[in-house]
Amino acid sequence: MAKATLDKELYSRMRDSGVRKKIARQLAELPEQVKGGKQAPKPLRDAIERLEATVSELRGHTSRGDRGAAARKAARTRSANAQKRSASARKGARSRSKA
């Protein structure tokens, strides 16, 4: 079997992006290995899935987030604090009325 050729441009881009040499080399050889409708080897498919998961996680961290969730949390906090103040005021009123 012939040795897979390396896509040097793809390899360089991945290395510049911080992908390790071994993984970048394997992924750069991938287009040659899957010619003719063959499926990529399982370790390479797994590596691609891990990279996609990492990218999606990073995108989640860089986005502005869900403002609605933050507003709901703030409303819950205000409500809980108001209930604490109210309970404390009732307790104080009861103790003052007994004295």
Protein backbone atom coordinates (compact mmCIF):
# COMPACT_ATOMS: atom_id res chain seq x y z
CA MET A 1 0.00 0.00 0.00
CA ALA A 2 1.30 3.44 -0.90
CA LYS A 3 2.14 5.85 1.85
CA ALA A 4 -0.39 8.64 2.26
CA THR A 5 0.74 12.02 1.02
CA LEU A 6 0.70 15.00 3.33
CA ASP A 7 -1.31 18.11 2.49
CA LYS A 8 1.38 20.62 3.46
CA GLU A 9 -0.88 23.69 3.48
CA LEU A 10 -3.41 22.00 5.76
CA TYR A 11 -0.60 20.73 7.99
CA SER A 12 0.92 24.22 8.27
CA ARG A 13 -2.42 25.83 9.11
CA MET A 14 -3.11 23.27 11.83
CA ARG A 15 0.36 23.63 13.32
CA ASP A 16 -0.02 27.42 13.32
CA SER A 17 -3.32 26.95 15.14
CA GLY A 18 -1.64 24.97 17.90
CA VAL A 19 -2.54 21.41 16.90
CA ARG A 20 0.13 18.90 17.89
CA LYS A 21 2.43 17.57 15.19
CA LYS A 22 1.24 13.97 15.31
CA ILE A 23 -2.45 14.87 15.09
CA ALA A 24 -1.82 17.54 12.44
CA ARG A 25 0.13 15.03 10.34
CA GLN A 26 -2.61 12.41 10.64
CA LEU A 27 -5.35 14.89 9.79
CA ALA A 28 -3.38 16.31 6.86
CA GLU A 29 -3.07 12.78 5.44
CA LEU A 30 -6.80 12.21 5.85
CA PRO A 31 -7.94 13.47 2.41
CA GLU A 32 -5.60 10.97 0.75
CA GLN A 33 -6.81 8.10 2.95
CA VAL A 34 -10.51 8.59 2.26
CA LYS A 35 -10.36 8.70 -1.53
CA GLY A 36 -12.88 6.59 -3.36
CA GLY A 37 -15.61 6.86 -0.73
CA LYS A 38 -13.69 4.99 1.96
CA GLN A 39 -14.36 5.87 5.56
CA ALA A 40 -11.61 7.50 7.60
CA PRO A 41 -9.92 5.38 10.27
CA LYS A 42 -11.60 5.47 13.69
CA PRO A 43 -8.76 7.27 15.55
CA LEU A 44 -8.86 10.09 13.01
CA ARG A 45 -12.64 10.37 13.21
CA ASP A 46 -12.33 10.54 17.00
CA ALA A 47 -9.67 13.25 16.73
CA ILE A 48 -11.95 15.29 14.47
CA GLU A 49 -14.84 14.92 16.92
CA ARG A 50 -12.62 16.09 19.80
CA LEU A 51 -11.48 19.10 17.77
CA GLU A 52 -15.08 20.00 16.89
CA ALA A 53 -16.11 19.68 20.53
CA THR A 54 -13.25 21.94 21.58
CA VAL A 55 -14.14 24.53 18.97
CA SER A 56 -17.81 24.55 19.98
CA GLU A 57 -16.86 24.92 23.65
CA LEU A 58 -14.56 27.82 22.83
CA ARG A 59 -17.33 29.46 20.81
CA GLY A 60 -19.62 29.11 23.79
CA HIS A 61 -17.10 30.85 26.03
CA THR A 62 -16.54 33.72 23.63
CA SER A 63 -20.19 34.52 22.97
CA ARG A 64 -22.05 37.06 25.05
CA GLY A 65 -24.07 34.40 26.80
CA ASP A 66 -27.75 34.25 27.58
CA ARG A 67 -28.93 37.60 28.91
CA GLY A 68 -32.34 36.16 29.72
CA ALA A 69 -30.83 33.60 32.07
CA ALA A 70 -28.86 36.32 33.83
CA ALA A 71 -32.02 38.40 34.25
CA ARG A 72 -33.93 35.44 35.69
CA LYS A 73 -31.13 34.74 38.16
CA ALA A 74 -31.05 38.39 39.23
CA ALA A 75 -34.83 38.36 39.75
CA ARG A 76 -34.59 35.20 41.87
CA THR A 77 -31.84 36.77 43.96
CA ARG A 78 -33.82 39.95 44.55
CA SER A 79 -36.89 37.93 45.50
CA ALA A 80 -34.93 35.73 47.91
CA ASN A 81 -33.34 38.76 49.56
CA ALA A 82 -36.74 40.43 49.92
CA GLN A 83 -38.15 37.30 51.57
CA LYS A 84 -35.22 37.24 54.01
CA ARG A 85 -35.79 40.89 54.91
CA SER A 86 -39.51 40.29 55.35
CA ALA A 87 -38.97 37.26 57.59
CA SER A 88 -36.45 39.17 59.66
CA ALA A 89 -38.82 42.13 60.01
CA ARG A 90 -41.67 39.85 61.11
CA LYS A 91 -39.42 38.19 63.67
CA GLY A 92 -38.32 41.58 65.01
CA ALA A 93 -41.91 42.82 65.20
CA ARG A 94 -42.96 39.71 67.14
CA SER A 95 -40.13 40.10 69.63
CA ARG A 96 -40.87 43.83 70.10
CA SER A 97 -44.57 43.16 70.67
CA LYS A 98 -43.79 40.64 73.44
CA ALA A 99 -41.57 43.07 75.33
